[in-house]
């Protein structure tokens, strides 16, 4: 099993910045990638950004390109999401995700990000 613990959400004004952190523990040796997804009220969960376990493959949603940066910590089981130039439409619950080589998905408990206009 894999456990994911997120931190760093909060309330920020439009144009501001936040940094989310996610630490994975447990059976992370079979991990393929880590990433962030988000879900706004009344909407489906959507991909924000992912990074491969090696760190060599990074993917962003078009809506966050140029504003958000995903990175890995020195300890490979940590992933960060630096969010700059935040917009009200970025308001959502952000979930950390870990996908294994076997395509199993693990999720964190979610952290609320609220951007006021």
C-alpha atoms as a PDB file:
ATOM      1  CA  UNK A   1       0.000   0.000   0.000  1.00  0.00           C
ATOM      2  CA  UNK A   2       0.958   3.600  -0.528  1.00  0.00           C
ATOM      3  CA  UNK A   3       0.080   6.556   1.664  1.00  0.00           C
ATOM      4  CA  UNK A   4       0.089  10.140   0.380  1.00  0.00           C
ATOM      5  CA  UNK A   5       0.049  13.189   2.643  1.00  0.00           C
ATOM      6  CA  UNK A   6      -0.530  16.614   1.146  1.00  0.00           C
ATOM      7  CA  UNK A   7       0.022  20.075   2.566  1.00  0.00           C
ATOM      8  CA  UNK A   8       0.170  23.676   1.449  1.00  0.00           C
ATOM      9  CA  UNK A   9      -3.329  24.608   0.370  1.00  0.00           C
ATOM     10  CA  UNK A  10      -5.056  27.773   1.494  1.00  0.00           C
ATOM     11  CA  UNK A  11      -6.676  31.043   0.522  1.00  0.00           C
ATOM     12  CA  UNK A  12      -4.861  33.466  -1.750  1.00  0.00           C
ATOM     13  CA  UNK A  13      -5.757  36.489  -3.838  1.00  0.00           C
ATOM     14  CA  UNK A  14      -5.717  36.347  -7.613  1.00  0.00           C
ATOM     15  CA  UNK A  15      -2.183  36.758  -8.890  1.00  0.00           C
ATOM     16  CA  UNK A  16      -0.711  35.196  -5.780  1.00  0.00           C
ATOM     17  CA  UNK A  17       1.244  31.998  -5.285  1.00  0.00           C
ATOM     18  CA  UNK A  18       0.977  28.780  -3.313  1.00  0.00           C
ATOM     19  CA  UNK A  19       3.163  25.703  -3.051  1.00  0.00           C
ATOM     20  CA  UNK A  20       1.678  22.266  -2.517  1.00  0.00           C
ATOM     21  CA  UNK A  21       3.679  19.368  -1.141  1.00  0.00           C
ATOM     22  CA  UNK A  22       2.997  15.643  -1.178  1.00  0.00           C
ATOM     23  CA  UNK A  23       4.971  12.972   0.632  1.00  0.00           C
ATOM     24  CA  UNK A  24       4.546   9.320  -0.286  1.00  0.00           C
ATOM     25  CA  UNK A  25       5.305   6.407   2.006  1.00  0.00           C
ATOM     26  CA  UNK A  26       4.841   2.668   1.934  1.00  0.00           C
ATOM     27  CA  UNK A  27       5.373   0.545  -1.175  1.00  0.00           C
ATOM     28  CA  UNK A  28       6.663   3.341  -3.403  1.00  0.00           C
ATOM     29  CA  UNK A  29       9.256   1.142  -5.110  1.00  0.00           C
ATOM     30  CA  UNK A  30       6.706   0.178  -7.792  1.00  0.00           C
ATOM     31  CA  UNK A  31       5.851   3.783  -8.619  1.00  0.00           C
ATOM     32  CA  UNK A  32       5.613   4.981 -12.215  1.00  0.00           C
ATOM     33  CA  UNK A  33       4.729   8.607 -11.748  1.00  0.00           C
ATOM     34  CA  UNK A  34       3.396  11.155  -9.245  1.00  0.00           C
ATOM     35  CA  UNK A  35       1.225  14.125  -9.921  1.00  0.00           C
ATOM     36  CA  UNK A  36      -1.544  16.510  -9.026  1.00  0.00           C
ATOM     37  CA  UNK A  37      -5.181  16.489 -10.010  1.00  0.00           C
ATOM     38  CA  UNK A  38      -7.925  18.901  -8.993  1.00  0.00           C
ATOM     39  CA  UNK A  39     -11.681  18.897  -8.657  1.00  0.00           C
ATOM     40  CA  UNK A  40     -13.822  22.013  -8.559  1.00  0.00           C
ATOM     41  CA  UNK A  41     -17.420  21.927  -7.287  1.00  0.00           C
ATOM     42  CA  UNK A  42     -19.713  20.358  -9.847  1.00  0.00           C
ATOM     43  CA  UNK A  43     -16.847  19.340 -12.107  1.00  0.00           C
ATOM     44  CA  UNK A  44     -14.941  16.169 -12.773  1.00  0.00           C
ATOM     45  CA  UNK A  45     -11.470  15.597 -11.408  1.00  0.00           C
ATOM     46  CA  UNK A  46      -8.869  16.764 -13.914  1.00  0.00           C
ATOM     47  CA  UNK A  47      -5.147  16.374 -14.400  1.00  0.00           C
ATOM     48  CA  UNK A  48      -3.021  19.352 -13.410  1.00  0.00           C
ATOM     49  CA  UNK A  49       0.536  18.058 -13.734  1.00  0.00           C
ATOM     50  CA  UNK A  50       2.460  14.799 -13.542  1.00  0.00           C
ATOM     51  CA  UNK A  51       6.107  13.846 -13.294  1.00  0.00           C
ATOM     52  CA  UNK A  52       7.661  10.452 -13.918  1.00  0.00           C
ATOM     53  CA  UNK A  53       9.478   8.653 -11.155  1.00  0.00           C
ATOM     54  CA  UNK A  54      12.770   9.461 -12.847  1.00  0.00           C
ATOM     55  CA  UNK A  55      11.741  13.083 -13.245  1.00  0.00           C
ATOM     56  CA  UNK A  56      12.431  13.027 -16.973  1.00  0.00           C
ATOM     57  CA  UNK A  57       8.829  13.169 -18.218  1.00  0.00           C
ATOM     58  CA  UNK A  58       6.606  16.068 -17.145  1.00  0.00           C
ATOM     59  CA  UNK A  59       3.096  16.819 -18.307  1.00  0.00           C
ATOM     60  CA  UNK A  60       0.900  19.875 -17.665  1.00  0.00           C
ATOM     61  CA  UNK A  61      -2.697  20.727 -18.377  1.00  0.00           C
ATOM     62  CA  UNK A  62      -2.922  23.514 -20.944  1.00  0.00           C
ATOM     63  CA  UNK A  63      -4.719  25.694 -18.426  1.00  0.00           C
ATOM     64  CA  UNK A  64      -1.715  25.796 -16.074  1.00  0.00           C
ATOM     65  CA  UNK A  65       1.222  25.812 -18.480  1.00  0.00           C
ATOM     66  CA  UNK A  66       3.574  28.670 -17.763  1.00  0.00           C
ATOM     67  CA  UNK A  67       2.079  29.254 -14.316  1.00  0.00           C
ATOM     68  CA  UNK A  68       2.519  25.978 -12.423  1.00  0.00           C
ATOM     69  CA  UNK A  69       5.694  23.962 -11.950  1.00  0.00           C
ATOM     70  CA  UNK A  70       5.855  20.376 -10.737  1.00  0.00           C
ATOM     71  CA  UNK A  71       9.078  19.054  -9.235  1.00  0.00           C
ATOM     72  CA  UNK A  72      10.480  16.187  -7.199  1.00  0.00           C
ATOM     73  CA  UNK A  73      12.247  16.513  -3.911  1.00  0.00           C
ATOM     74  CA  UNK A  74      15.709  15.170  -3.199  1.00  0.00           C
ATOM     75  CA  UNK A  75      13.890  12.238  -1.668  1.00  0.00           C
ATOM     76  CA  UNK A  76      12.103  10.825  -4.697  1.00  0.00           C
ATOM     77  CA  UNK A  77       8.960  10.144  -2.741  1.00  0.00           C
ATOM     78  CA  UNK A  78       8.138  13.859  -2.460  1.00  0.00           C
ATOM     79  CA  UNK A  79       6.505  15.977  -5.135  1.00  0.00           C
ATOM     80  CA  UNK A  80       5.787  19.694  -5.166  1.00  0.00           C
ATOM     81  CA  UNK A  81       3.479  21.945  -7.162  1.00  0.00           C
ATOM     82  CA  UNK A  82       4.496  25.588  -7.313  1.00  0.00           C
ATOM     83  CA  UNK A  83       1.484  27.610  -8.396  1.00  0.00           C
ATOM     84  CA  UNK A  84       2.041  31.189  -9.543  1.00  0.00           C
ATOM     85  CA  UNK A  85      -0.263  33.793 -11.072  1.00  0.00           C
ATOM     86  CA  UNK A  86      -3.234  32.025  -9.544  1.00  0.00           C
ATOM     87  CA  UNK A  87      -6.681  32.692 -10.973  1.00  0.00           C
ATOM     88  CA  UNK A  88     -10.133  32.271  -9.409  1.00  0.00           C
ATOM     89  CA  UNK A  89     -10.719  29.379 -11.810  1.00  0.00           C
ATOM     90  CA  UNK A  90      -7.861  27.509 -10.137  1.00  0.00           C
ATOM     91  CA  UNK A  91     -10.063  27.159  -7.046  1.00  0.00           C
ATOM     92  CA  UNK A  92     -10.504  23.449  -6.337  1.00  0.00           C
ATOM     93  CA  UNK A  93      -9.546  20.598  -4.081  1.00  0.00           C
ATOM     94  CA  UNK A  94      -6.108  19.450  -5.178  1.00  0.00           C
ATOM     95  CA  UNK A  95      -5.249  15.759  -4.900  1.00  0.00           C
ATOM     96  CA  UNK A  96      -1.854  14.150  -4.963  1.00  0.00           C
ATOM     97  CA  UNK A  97      -1.708  11.002  -7.084  1.00  0.00           C
ATOM     98  CA  UNK A  98       0.753   8.152  -7.366  1.00  0.00           C
ATOM     99  CA  UNK A  99       0.442   5.639 -10.173  1.00  0.00           C
ATOM    100  CA  UNK A 100       2.296   2.361 -10.034  1.00  0.00           C
ATOM    101  CA  UNK A 101       3.868   0.395 -12.846  1.00  0.00           C
ATOM    102  CA  UNK A 102       0.852  -1.908 -12.623  1.00  0.00           C
ATOM    103  CA  UNK A 103      -1.404   1.136 -13.210  1.00  0.00           C
ATOM    104  CA  UNK A 104      -2.816   1.192  -9.682  1.00  0.00           C
ATOM    105  CA  UNK A 105      -3.709   4.677  -8.496  1.00  0.00           C
ATOM    106  CA  UNK A 106      -3.339   6.033  -4.987  1.00  0.00           C
ATOM    107  CA  UNK A 107      -4.755   9.341  -3.807  1.00  0.00           C
ATOM    108  CA  UNK A 108      -4.123  11.777  -1.015  1.00  0.00           C
ATOM    109  CA  UNK A 109      -6.900  13.212   1.101  1.00  0.00           C
ATOM    110  CA  UNK A 110      -6.977  16.459  -0.866  1.00  0.00           C
ATOM    111  CA  UNK A 111      -6.110  20.023   0.034  1.00  0.00           C
ATOM    112  CA  UNK A 112      -8.323  23.034  -0.655  1.00  0.00           C
ATOM    113  CA  UNK A 113      -6.998  25.876  -2.787  1.00  0.00           C
ATOM    114  CA  UNK A 114      -9.186  28.970  -2.932  1.00  0.00           C
ATOM    115  CA  UNK A 115      -8.307  31.962  -5.104  1.00  0.00           C
ATOM    116  CA  UNK A 116     -10.278  35.121  -4.462  1.00  0.00           C
ATOM    117  CA  UNK A 117     -10.841  37.750  -7.140  1.00  0.00           C
END
